[in-house]
Amino acid sequence: KAREVVDAFAIFQVEGDRRRVHRLNETYIGEWQLRFLPCSLWALEDALRSGEYEELEVTPRAPSQEMDSTEHANGDDAAEEVRSGLRGARAESEVKVLIQRAQALNLSH
């Protein structure tokens, strides 16, 4: 059975939205694994010129107060998960993914 890969580009107007979405990296929706990778503007422009992509504008939901406090707690959990993962990582590919997560969460040492 051939493995199908579908690409999509997301442009975020607010850094917090990007971080919230990036926390979902490598999670699953049904049988589909989400893999978020940073990309340059020129790569997006090349993809759009190919004619294989269409633009779809979405409006993010306004976060509620409850959501903000939950996200803060989830952000702390995600940060600890990254730090713990880095301490136990055995393969270079694991480290690279965890570094991307750390960057998405704006973690420092």
PDB file of N, CA and C in Angstrom:
ATOM      1  N   LYS A   1       0.850  -1.181   0.000  1.00  0.00           N
ATOM      2  CA  LYS A   1       0.000   0.000   0.000  1.00  0.00           C
ATOM      3  C   LYS A   1       0.896   1.244   0.000  1.00  0.00           C
ATOM      4  N   ALA A   2       0.681   2.134  -0.943  1.00  0.00           N
ATOM      5  CA  ALA A   2       1.481   3.359  -1.048  1.00  0.00           C
ATOM      6  C   ALA A   2       1.108   4.328   0.068  1.00  0.00           C
ATOM      7  N   ARG A   3       2.115   4.995   0.562  1.00  0.00           N
ATOM      8  CA  ARG A   3       1.898   5.975   1.629  1.00  0.00           C
ATOM      9  C   ARG A   3       1.645   7.339   1.005  1.00  0.00           C
ATOM     10  N   GLU A   4       0.516   7.933   1.343  1.00  0.00           N
ATOM     11  CA  GLU A   4       0.169   9.238   0.792  1.00  0.00           C
ATOM     12  C   GLU A   4       0.581  10.343   1.759  1.00  0.00           C
ATOM     13  N   VAL A   5       1.228  11.352   1.210  1.00  0.00           N
ATOM     14  CA  VAL A   5       1.641  12.506   2.002  1.00  0.00           C
ATOM     15  C   VAL A   5       0.986  13.732   1.378  1.00  0.00           C
ATOM     16  N   VAL A   6       0.368  14.537   2.203  1.00  0.00           N
ATOM     17  CA  VAL A   6      -0.275  15.750   1.728  1.00  0.00           C
ATOM     18  C   VAL A   6       0.367  16.935   2.429  1.00  0.00           C
ATOM     19  N   ASP A   7       0.745  17.938   1.644  1.00  0.00           N
ATOM     20  CA  ASP A   7       1.369  19.134   2.195  1.00  0.00           C
ATOM     21  C   ASP A   7       0.341  20.252   2.324  1.00  0.00           C
ATOM     22  N   ALA A   8       0.549  21.073   3.326  1.00  0.00           N
ATOM     23  CA  ALA A   8      -0.235  22.293   3.501  1.00  0.00           C
ATOM     24  C   ALA A   8       0.698  23.328   4.114  1.00  0.00           C
ATOM     25  N   PHE A   9       0.450  24.565   3.827  1.00  0.00           N
ATOM     26  CA  PHE A   9       1.244  25.658   4.388  1.00  0.00           C
ATOM     27  C   PHE A   9       0.331  26.474   5.294  1.00  0.00           C
ATOM     28  N   ALA A  10       0.827  26.846   6.448  1.00  0.00           N
ATOM     29  CA  ALA A  10       0.056  27.680   7.381  1.00  0.00           C
ATOM     30  C   ALA A  10       0.860  28.945   7.667  1.00  0.00           C
ATOM     31  N   ILE A  11       0.183  30.066   7.560  1.00  0.00           N
ATOM     32  CA  ILE A  11       0.804  31.355   7.865  1.00  0.00           C
ATOM     33  C   ILE A  11       0.080  31.917   9.076  1.00  0.00           C
ATOM     34  N   PHE A  12       0.834  32.219  10.118  1.00  0.00           N
ATOM     35  CA  PHE A  12       0.248  32.710  11.360  1.00  0.00           C
ATOM     36  C   PHE A  12       0.516  34.197  11.509  1.00  0.00           C
ATOM     37  N   GLN A  13      -0.504  34.937  11.872  1.00  0.00           N
ATOM     38  CA  GLN A  13      -0.369  36.375  12.086  1.00  0.00           C
ATOM     39  C   GLN A  13       0.147  36.679  13.487  1.00  0.00           C
ATOM     40  N   VAL A  14      -0.069  35.746  14.400  1.00  0.00           N
ATOM     41  CA  VAL A  14       0.287  35.952  15.810  1.00  0.00           C
ATOM     42  C   VAL A  14       1.188  34.797  16.253  1.00  0.00           C
ATOM     43  N   GLU A  15       2.301  35.118  16.873  1.00  0.00           N
ATOM     44  CA  GLU A  15       3.260  34.108  17.313  1.00  0.00           C
ATOM     45  C   GLU A  15       2.623  33.094  18.269  1.00  0.00           C
ATOM     46  N   GLY A  16       1.747  33.555  19.153  1.00  0.00           N
ATOM     47  CA  GLY A  16       1.084  32.651  20.093  1.00  0.00           C
ATOM     48  C   GLY A  16       0.260  31.591  19.386  1.00  0.00           C
ATOM     49  N   ASP A  17      -0.397  31.964  18.279  1.00  0.00           N
ATOM     50  CA  ASP A  17      -1.171  30.982  17.500  1.00  0.00           C
ATOM     51  C   ASP A  17      -0.248  29.926  16.919  1.00  0.00           C
ATOM     52  N   ARG A  18       0.900  30.353  16.402  1.00  0.00           N
ATOM     53  CA  ARG A  18       1.852  29.401  15.830  1.00  0.00           C
ATOM     54  C   ARG A  18       2.338  28.412  16.890  1.00  0.00           C
ATOM     55  N   ARG A  19       2.664  28.933  18.077  1.00  0.00           N
ATOM     56  CA  ARG A  19       3.139  28.054  19.152  1.00  0.00           C
ATOM     57  C   ARG A  19       2.056  27.068  19.568  1.00  0.00           C
ATOM     58  N   ARG A  20       0.811  27.538  19.680  1.00  0.00           N
ATOM     59  CA  ARG A  20      -0.286  26.653  20.074  1.00  0.00           C
ATOM     60  C   ARG A  20      -0.467  25.523  19.073  1.00  0.00           C
ATOM     61  N   VAL A  21      -0.406  25.850  17.792  1.00  0.00           N
ATOM     62  CA  VAL A  21      -0.581  24.826  16.763  1.00  0.00           C
ATOM     63  C   VAL A  21       0.625  23.892  16.731  1.00  0.00           C
ATOM     64  N   HIS A  22       1.824  24.437  16.893  1.00  0.00           N
ATOM     65  CA  HIS A  22       3.024  23.605  16.807  1.00  0.00           C
ATOM     66  C   HIS A  22       3.090  22.569  17.932  1.00  0.00           C
ATOM     67  N   ARG A  23       2.398  22.822  19.014  1.00  0.00           N
ATOM     68  CA  ARG A  23       2.349  21.826  20.098  1.00  0.00           C
ATOM     69  C   ARG A  23       1.696  20.527  19.647  1.00  0.00           C
ATOM     70  N   LEU A  24       0.944  20.598  18.550  1.00  0.00           N
ATOM     71  CA  LEU A  24       0.287  19.402  18.021  1.00  0.00           C
ATOM     72  C   LEU A  24       1.208  18.591  17.111  1.00  0.00           C
ATOM     73  N   ASN A  25       2.448  19.057  16.918  1.00  0.00           N
ATOM     74  CA  ASN A  25       3.375  18.372  16.026  1.00  0.00           C
ATOM     75  C   ASN A  25       3.519  16.904  16.413  1.00  0.00           C
ATOM     76  N   GLU A  26       3.463  16.065  15.388  1.00  0.00           N
ATOM     77  CA  GLU A  26       3.598  14.620  15.507  1.00  0.00           C
ATOM     78  C   GLU A  26       2.460  13.944  16.273  1.00  0.00           C
ATOM     79  N   THR A  27       1.345  14.631  16.422  1.00  0.00           N
ATOM     80  CA  THR A  27       0.150  13.981  16.964  1.00  0.00           C
ATOM     81  C   THR A  27      -0.674  13.452  15.791  1.00  0.00           C
ATOM     82  N   TYR A  28      -1.735  12.744  16.082  1.00  0.00           N
ATOM     83  CA  TYR A  28      -2.539  12.126  15.031  1.00  0.00           C
ATOM     84  C   TYR A  28      -3.955  12.664  15.035  1.00  0.00           C
ATOM     85  N   ILE A  29      -4.492  12.769  13.835  1.00  0.00           N
ATOM     86  CA  ILE A  29      -5.918  13.003  13.632  1.00  0.00           C
ATOM     87  C   ILE A  29      -6.378  11.795  12.838  1.00  0.00           C
ATOM     88  N   GLY A  30      -7.072  10.889  13.492  1.00  0.00           N
ATOM     89  CA  GLY A  30      -7.409   9.624  12.848  1.00  0.00           C
ATOM     90  C   GLY A  30      -6.129   8.888  12.524  1.00  0.00           C
ATOM     91  N   GLU A  31      -5.956   8.524  11.253  1.00  0.00           N
ATOM     92  CA  GLU A  31      -4.751   7.821  10.819  1.00  0.00           C
ATOM     93  C   GLU A  31      -3.692   8.765  10.270  1.00  0.00           C
ATOM     94  N   TRP A  32      -3.956  10.074  10.263  1.00  0.00           N
ATOM     95  CA  TRP A  32      -3.035  11.066   9.714  1.00  0.00           C
ATOM     96  C   TRP A  32      -2.152  11.640  10.808  1.00  0.00           C
ATOM     97  N   GLN A  33      -0.849  11.596  10.585  1.00  0.00           N
ATOM     98  CA  GLN A  33       0.093  12.203  11.528  1.00  0.00           C
ATOM     99  C   GLN A  33       0.395  13.628  11.067  1.00  0.00           C
ATOM    100  N   LEU A  34       0.316  14.562  12.002  1.00  0.00           N
ATOM    101  CA  LEU A  34       0.667  15.946  11.706  1.00  0.00           C
ATOM    102  C   LEU A  34       2.166  16.114  11.882  1.00  0.00           C
ATOM    103  N   ARG A  35       2.808  16.693  10.877  1.00  0.00           N
ATOM    104  CA  ARG A  35       4.246  16.977  10.970  1.00  0.00           C
ATOM    105  C   ARG A  35       4.449  18.401  10.508  1.00  0.00           C
ATOM    106  N   PHE A  36       4.762  19.272  11.438  1.00  0.00           N
ATOM    107  CA  PHE A  36       4.966  20.681  11.130  1.00  0.00           C
ATOM    108  C   PHE A  36       6.453  20.958  10.942  1.00  0.00           C
ATOM    109  N   LEU A  37       6.772  21.587   9.839  1.00  0.00           N
ATOM    110  CA  LEU A  37       8.158  21.924   9.531  1.00  0.00           C
ATOM    111  C   LEU A  37       8.225  23.403   9.174  1.00  0.00           C
ATOM    112  N   PRO A  38       9.244  24.100   9.647  1.00  0.00           N
ATOM    113  CA  PRO A  38       9.375  25.507   9.250  1.00  0.00           C
ATOM    114  C   PRO A  38       9.710  25.591   7.761  1.00  0.00           C
ATOM    115  N   CYS A  39       9.281  26.649   7.128  1.00  0.00           N
ATOM    116  CA  CYS A  39       9.565  26.803   5.705  1.00  0.00           C
ATOM    117  C   CYS A  39       9.767  28.276   5.383  1.00  0.00           C
ATOM    118  N   SER A  40      10.463  28.526   4.313  1.00  0.00           N
ATOM    119  CA  SER A  40      10.752  29.902   3.916  1.00  0.00           C
ATOM    120  C   SER A  40       9.622  30.445   3.042  1.00  0.00           C
ATOM    121  N   LEU A  41       9.581  31.751   2.930  1.00  0.00           N
ATOM    122  CA  LEU A  41       8.576  32.399   2.099  1.00  0.00           C
ATOM    123  C   LEU A  41       8.735  31.986   0.640  1.00  0.00           C
ATOM    124  N   TRP A  42       9.980  31.844   0.171  1.00  0.00           N
ATOM    125  CA  TRP A  42      10.180  31.475  -1.234  1.00  0.00           C
ATOM    126  C   TRP A  42       9.671  30.065  -1.525  1.00  0.00           C
ATOM    127  N   ALA A  43       9.759  29.150  -0.546  1.00  0.00           N
ATOM    128  CA  ALA A  43       9.231  27.793  -0.744  1.00  0.00           C
ATOM    129  C   ALA A  43       7.709  27.831  -0.882  1.00  0.00           C
ATOM    130  N   LEU A  44       7.065  28.660  -0.074  1.00  0.00           N
ATOM    131  CA  LEU A  44       5.615  28.829  -0.183  1.00  0.00           C
ATOM    132  C   LEU A  44       5.258  29.411  -1.548  1.00  0.00           C
ATOM    133  N   GLU A  45       5.986  30.441  -1.972  1.00  0.00           N
ATOM    134  CA  GLU A  45       5.703  31.060  -3.268  1.00  0.00           C
ATOM    135  C   GLU A  45       5.886  30.074  -4.415  1.00  0.00           C
ATOM    136  N   ASP A  46       6.912  29.243  -4.364  1.00  0.00           N
ATOM    137  CA  ASP A  46       7.118  28.208  -5.383  1.00  0.00           C
ATOM    138  C   ASP A  46       5.955  27.224  -5.406  1.00  0.00           C
ATOM    139  N   ALA A  47       5.514  26.816  -4.234  1.00  0.00           N
ATOM    140  CA  ALA A  47       4.406  25.861  -4.148  1.00  0.00           C
ATOM    141  C   ALA A  47       3.126  26.477  -4.724  1.00  0.00           C
ATOM    142  N   LEU A  48       2.875  27.732  -4.413  1.00  0.00           N
ATOM    143  CA  LEU A  48       1.677  28.398  -4.928  1.00  0.00           C
ATOM    144  C   LEU A  48       1.737  28.535  -6.453  1.00  0.00           C
ATOM    145  N   ARG A  49       2.922  28.786  -6.999  1.00  0.00           N
ATOM    146  CA  ARG A  49       3.074  28.894  -8.458  1.00  0.00           C
ATOM    147  C   ARG A  49       2.799  27.565  -9.153  1.00  0.00           C
ATOM    148  N   SER A  50       3.002  26.460  -8.461  1.00  0.00           N
ATOM    149  CA  SER A  50       2.790  25.150  -9.085  1.00  0.00           C
ATOM    150  C   SER A  50       1.321  24.915  -9.421  1.00  0.00           C
ATOM    151  N   GLY A  51       0.436  25.659  -8.780  1.00  0.00           N
ATOM    152  CA  GLY A  51      -0.997  25.511  -9.054  1.00  0.00           C
ATOM    153  C   GLY A  51      -1.651  24.351  -8.327  1.00  0.00           C
ATOM    154  N   GLU A  52      -0.904  23.640  -7.500  1.00  0.00           N
ATOM    155  CA  GLU A  52      -1.447  22.488  -6.791  1.00  0.00           C
ATOM    156  C   GLU A  52      -2.075  22.868  -5.457  1.00  0.00           C
ATOM    157  N   TYR A  53      -1.930  24.121  -5.059  1.00  0.00           N
ATOM    158  CA  TYR A  53      -2.422  24.562  -3.764  1.00  0.00           C
ATOM    159  C   TYR A  53      -3.487  25.627  -3.956  1.00  0.00           C
ATOM    160  N   GLU A  54      -4.378  25.686  -3.015  1.00  0.00           N
ATOM    161  CA  GLU A  54      -5.365  26.758  -3.011  1.00  0.00           C
ATOM    162  C   GLU A  54      -5.287  27.472  -1.667  1.00  0.00           C
ATOM    163  N   GLU A  55      -5.628  28.741  -1.668  1.00  0.00           N
ATOM    164  CA  GLU A  55      -5.564  29.527  -0.438  1.00  0.00           C
ATOM    165  C   GLU A  55      -6.897  29.431   0.287  1.00  0.00           C
ATOM    166  N   LEU A  56      -6.818  29.144   1.556  1.00  0.00           N
ATOM    167  CA  LEU A  56      -7.994  29.050   2.404  1.00  0.00           C
ATOM    168  C   LEU A  56      -7.717  29.869   3.650  1.00  0.00           C
ATOM    169  N   GLU A  57      -8.470  30.934   3.838  1.00  0.00           N
ATOM    170  CA  GLU A  57      -8.253  31.791   4.995  1.00  0.00           C
ATOM    171  C   GLU A  57      -9.153  31.331   6.136  1.00  0.00           C
ATOM    172  N   VAL A  58      -8.581  31.197   7.294  1.00  0.00           N
ATOM    173  CA  VAL A  58      -9.337  30.806   8.480  1.00  0.00           C
ATOM    174  C   VAL A  58      -9.160  31.863   9.555  1.00  0.00           C
ATOM    175  N   THR A  59     -10.160  31.984  10.391  1.00  0.00           N
ATOM    176  CA  THR A  59     -10.108  32.932  11.493  1.00  0.00           C
ATOM    177  C   THR A  59      -9.963  32.144  12.781  1.00  0.00           C
ATOM    178  N   PRO A  60      -8.919  32.412  13.552  1.00  0.00           N
ATOM    179  CA  PRO A  60      -8.751  31.664  14.806  1.00  0.00           C
ATOM    180  C   PRO A  60      -9.847  32.017  15.799  1.00  0.00           C
ATOM    181  N   ARG A  61     -10.170  31.047  16.628  1.00  0.00           N
ATOM    182  CA  ARG A  61     -11.134  31.301  17.702  1.00  0.00           C
ATOM    183  C   ARG A  61     -10.506  32.221  18.722  1.00  0.00           C
ATOM    184  N   ALA A  62     -11.328  33.065  19.292  1.00  0.00           N
ATOM    185  CA  ALA A  62     -10.841  33.930  20.375  1.00  0.00           C
ATOM    186  C   ALA A  62     -10.685  33.069  21.616  1.00  0.00           C
ATOM    187  N   PRO A  63      -9.507  33.059  22.226  1.00  0.00           N
ATOM    188  CA  PRO A  63      -9.317  32.226  23.421  1.00  0.00           C
ATOM    189  C   PRO A  63     -10.101  32.793  24.600  1.00  0.00           C
ATOM    190  N   SER A  64     -10.692  31.896  25.345  1.00  0.00           N
ATOM    191  CA  SER A  64     -11.421  32.303  26.544  1.00  0.00           C
ATOM    192  C   SER A  64     -10.450  32.380  27.714  1.00  0.00           C
ATOM    193  N   GLN A  65     -10.874  32.978  28.812  1.00  0.00           N
ATOM    194  CA  GLN A  65     -10.030  33.056  30.016  1.00  0.00           C
ATOM    195  C   GLN A  65      -9.659  31.649  30.479  1.00  0.00           C
ATOM    196  N   GLU A  66     -10.647  30.765  30.478  1.00  0.00           N
ATOM    197  CA  GLU A  66     -10.412  29.384  30.912  1.00  0.00           C
ATOM    198  C   GLU A  66      -9.384  28.722  30.008  1.00  0.00           C
ATOM    199  N   MET A  67      -9.500  28.975  28.710  1.00  0.00           N
ATOM    200  CA  MET A  67      -8.584  28.396  27.746  1.00  0.00           C
ATOM    201  C   MET A  67      -7.163  28.910  27.977  1.00  0.00           C
ATOM    202  N   ASP A  68      -7.025  30.211  28.298  1.00  0.00           N
ATOM    203  CA  ASP A  68      -5.707  30.788  28.546  1.00  0.00           C
ATOM    204  C   ASP A  68      -4.998  30.105  29.706  1.00  0.00           C
ATOM    205  N   SER A  69      -5.713  29.884  30.812  1.00  0.00           N
ATOM    206  CA  SER A  69      -5.075  29.246  31.966  1.00  0.00           C
ATOM    207  C   SER A  69      -4.763  27.783  31.672  1.00  0.00           C
ATOM    208  N   THR A  70      -5.639  27.121  30.930  1.00  0.00           N
ATOM    209  CA  THR A  70      -5.386  25.733  30.544  1.00  0.00           C
ATOM    210  C   THR A  70      -4.178  25.663  29.628  1.00  0.00           C
ATOM    211  N   GLU A  71      -4.087  26.595  28.667  1.00  0.00           N
ATOM    212  CA  GLU A  71      -2.960  26.596  27.750  1.00  0.00           C
ATOM    213  C   GLU A  71      -1.657  26.873  28.474  1.00  0.00           C
ATOM    214  N   HIS A  72      -1.703  27.749  29.477  1.00  0.00           N
ATOM    215  CA  HIS A  72      -0.493  28.024  30.251  1.00  0.00           C
ATOM    216  C   HIS A  72      -0.023  26.744  30.942  1.00  0.00           C
ATOM    217  N   ALA A  73      -0.974  26.021  31.547  1.00  0.00           N
ATOM    218  CA  ALA A  73      -0.628  24.752  32.204  1.00  0.00           C
ATOM    219  C   ALA A  73      -0.145  23.746  31.165  1.00  0.00           C
ATOM    220  N   ASN A  74      -0.830  23.668  30.007  1.00  0.00           N
ATOM    221  CA  ASN A  74      -0.407  22.750  28.951  1.00  0.00           C
ATOM    222  C   ASN A  74       0.950  23.143  28.398  1.00  0.00           C
ATOM    223  N   GLY A  75       1.225  24.462  28.322  1.00  0.00           N
ATOM    224  CA  GLY A  75       2.524  24.934  27.865  1.00  0.00           C
ATOM    225  C   GLY A  75       3.618  24.502  28.813  1.00  0.00           C
ATOM    226  N   ASP A  76       3.347  24.584  30.130  1.00  0.00           N
ATOM    227  CA  ASP A  76       4.321  24.121  31.116  1.00  0.00           C
ATOM    228  C   ASP A  76       4.554  22.627  30.969  1.00  0.00           C
ATOM    229  N   ASP A  77       3.455  21.865  30.755  1.00  0.00           N
ATOM    230  CA  ASP A  77       3.579  20.422  30.558  1.00  0.00           C
ATOM    231  C   ASP A  77       4.382  20.117  29.296  1.00  0.00           C
ATOM    232  N   ALA A  78       4.100  20.861  28.220  1.00  0.00           N
ATOM    233  CA  ALA A  78       4.812  20.640  26.959  1.00  0.00           C
ATOM    234  C   ALA A  78       6.294  20.955  27.123  1.00  0.00           C
ATOM    235  N   ALA A  79       6.602  22.038  27.838  1.00  0.00           N
ATOM    236  CA  ALA A  79       7.994  22.412  28.069  1.00  0.00           C
ATOM    237  C   ALA A  79       8.724  21.321  28.849  1.00  0.00           C
ATOM    238  N   GLU A  80       8.090  20.803  29.873  1.00  0.00           N
ATOM    239  CA  GLU A  80       8.717  19.743  30.668  1.00  0.00           C
ATOM    240  C   GLU A  80       8.887  18.475  29.834  1.00  0.00           C
ATOM    241  N   GLU A  81       7.906  18.199  28.970  1.00  0.00           N
ATOM    242  CA  GLU A  81       8.001  17.028  28.095  1.00  0.00           C
ATOM    243  C   GLU A  81       9.207  17.156  27.153  1.00  0.00           C
ATOM    244  N   VAL A  82       9.422  18.356  26.621  1.00  0.00           N
ATOM    245  CA  VAL A  82      10.573  18.586  25.735  1.00  0.00           C
ATOM    246  C   VAL A  82      11.877  18.408  26.510  1.00  0.00           C
ATOM    247  N   ARG A  83      11.961  19.021  27.678  1.00  0.00           N
ATOM    248  CA  ARG A  83      13.193  18.917  28.471  1.00  0.00           C
ATOM    249  C   ARG A  83      13.497  17.460  28.847  1.00  0.00           C
ATOM    250  N   SER A  84      12.462  16.754  29.257  1.00  0.00           N
ATOM    251  CA  SER A  84      12.625  15.354  29.620  1.00  0.00           C
ATOM    252  C   SER A  84      13.044  14.526  28.402  1.00  0.00           C
ATOM    253  N   GLY A  85      12.430  14.820  27.260  1.00  0.00           N
ATOM    254  CA  GLY A  85      12.777  14.109  26.026  1.00  0.00           C
ATOM    255  C   GLY A  85      14.223  14.334  25.631  1.00  0.00           C
ATOM    256  N   LEU A  86      14.692  15.579  25.780  1.00  0.00           N
ATOM    257  CA  LEU A  86      16.087  15.875  25.439  1.00  0.00           C
ATOM    258  C   LEU A  86      17.065  15.139  26.352  1.00  0.00           C
ATOM    259  N   ARG A  87      16.686  14.993  27.627  1.00  0.00           N
ATOM    260  CA  ARG A  87      17.565  14.266  28.556  1.00  0.00           C
ATOM    261  C   ARG A  87      17.676  12.791  28.180  1.00  0.00           C
ATOM    262  N   GLY A  88      16.611  12.219  27.619  1.00  0.00           N
ATOM    263  CA  GLY A  88      16.618  10.790  27.317  1.00  0.00           C
ATOM    264  C   GLY A  88      16.742  10.433  25.848  1.00  0.00           C
ATOM    265  N   ALA A  89      16.888  11.424  24.970  1.00  0.00           N
ATOM    266  CA  ALA A  89      16.948  11.158  23.527  1.00  0.00           C
ATOM    267  C   ALA A  89      18.163  10.310  23.175  1.00  0.00           C
ATOM    268  N   ARG A  90      17.956   9.346  22.313  1.00  0.00           N
ATOM    269  CA  ARG A  90      19.032   8.439  21.917  1.00  0.00           C
ATOM    270  C   ARG A  90      19.458   8.642  20.461  1.00  0.00           C
ATOM    271  N   ALA A  91      18.546   9.140  19.635  1.00  0.00           N
ATOM    272  CA  ALA A  91      18.841   9.280  18.206  1.00  0.00           C
ATOM    273  C   ALA A  91      18.860  10.756  17.812  1.00  0.00           C
ATOM    274  N   GLU A  92      19.657  11.060  16.807  1.00  0.00           N
ATOM    275  CA  GLU A  92      19.766  12.437  16.320  1.00  0.00           C
ATOM    276  C   GLU A  92      18.408  12.959  15.860  1.00  0.00           C
ATOM    277  N   SER A  93      17.608  12.098  15.217  1.00  0.00           N
ATOM    278  CA  SER A  93      16.294  12.535  14.731  1.00  0.00           C
ATOM    279  C   SER A  93      15.381  12.943  15.893  1.00  0.00           C
ATOM    280  N   GLU A  94      15.478  12.239  17.018  1.00  0.00           N
ATOM    281  CA  GLU A  94      14.695  12.617  18.207  1.00  0.00           C
ATOM    282  C   GLU A  94      15.094  14.002  18.692  1.00  0.00           C
ATOM    283  N   VAL A  95      16.395  14.238  18.751  1.00  0.00           N
ATOM    284  CA  VAL A  95      16.903  15.524  19.221  1.00  0.00           C
ATOM    285  C   VAL A  95      16.430  16.648  18.306  1.00  0.00           C
ATOM    286  N   LYS A  96      16.478  16.433  16.995  1.00  0.00           N
ATOM    287  CA  LYS A  96      16.052  17.467  16.042  1.00  0.00           C
ATOM    288  C   LYS A  96      14.583  17.828  16.252  1.00  0.00           C
ATOM    289  N   VAL A  97      13.724  16.835  16.407  1.00  0.00           N
ATOM    290  CA  VAL A  97      12.297  17.100  16.630  1.00  0.00           C
ATOM    291  C   VAL A  97      12.092  17.851  17.940  1.00  0.00           C
ATOM    292  N   LEU A  98      12.793  17.446  18.966  1.00  0.00           N
ATOM    293  CA  LEU A  98      12.654  18.110  20.265  1.00  0.00           C
ATOM    294  C   LEU A  98      13.185  19.544  20.231  1.00  0.00           C
ATOM    295  N   ILE A  99      14.244  19.778  19.470  1.00  0.00           N
ATOM    296  CA  ILE A  99      14.745  21.145  19.313  1.00  0.00           C
ATOM    297  C   ILE A  99      13.700  22.008  18.609  1.00  0.00           C
ATOM    298  N   GLN A 100      13.046  21.463  17.590  1.00  0.00           N
ATOM    299  CA  GLN A 100      11.981  22.208  16.909  1.00  0.00           C
ATOM    300  C   GLN A 100      10.853  22.538  17.879  1.00  0.00           C
ATOM    301  N   ARG A 101      10.480  21.571  18.701  1.00  0.00           N
ATOM    302  CA  ARG A 101       9.423  21.830  19.705  1.00  0.00           C
ATOM    303  C   ARG A 101       9.858  22.910  20.681  1.00  0.00           C
ATOM    304  N   ALA A 102      11.104  22.847  21.134  1.00  0.00           N
ATOM    305  CA  ALA A 102      11.615  23.846  22.073  1.00  0.00           C
ATOM    306  C   ALA A 102      11.575  25.230  21.441  1.00  0.00           C
ATOM    307  N   GLN A 103      11.961  25.338  20.184  1.00  0.00           N
ATOM    308  CA  GLN A 103      11.918  26.610  19.493  1.00  0.00           C
ATOM    309  C   GLN A 103      10.485  27.104  19.369  1.00  0.00           C
ATOM    310  N   ALA A 104       9.558  26.208  19.080  1.00  0.00           N
ATOM    311  CA  ALA A 104       8.148  26.595  18.951  1.00  0.00           C
ATOM    312  C   ALA A 104       7.596  27.116  20.273  1.00  0.00           C
ATOM    313  N   LEU A 105       8.097  26.577  21.371  1.00  0.00           N
ATOM    314  CA  LEU A 105       7.638  26.998  22.702  1.00  0.00           C
ATOM    315  C   LEU A 105       8.451  28.161  23.259  1.00  0.00           C
ATOM    316  N   ASN A 106       9.429  28.633  22.482  1.00  0.00           N
ATOM    317  CA  ASN A 106      10.336  29.711  22.924  1.00  0.00           C
ATOM    318  C   ASN A 106      11.047  29.359  24.216  1.00  0.00           C
ATOM    319  N   LEU A 107      11.492  28.115  24.329  1.00  0.00           N
ATOM    320  CA  LEU A 107      12.203  27.678  25.537  1.00  0.00           C
ATOM    321  C   LEU A 107      13.653  28.119  25.465  1.00  0.00           C
ATOM    322  N   SER A 108      14.180  28.496  26.607  1.00  0.00           N
ATOM    323  CA  SER A 108      15.607  28.756  26.690  1.00  0.00           C
ATOM    324  C   SER A 108      16.214  27.590  27.469  1.00  0.00           C
ATOM    325  N   HIS A 109      17.500  27.651  27.723  1.00  0.00           N
ATOM    326  CA  HIS A 109      18.184  26.540  28.403  1.00  0.00           C
ATOM    327  C   HIS A 109      17.419  26.141  29.588  1.00  0.00           C
TER     328      HIS A 109
END
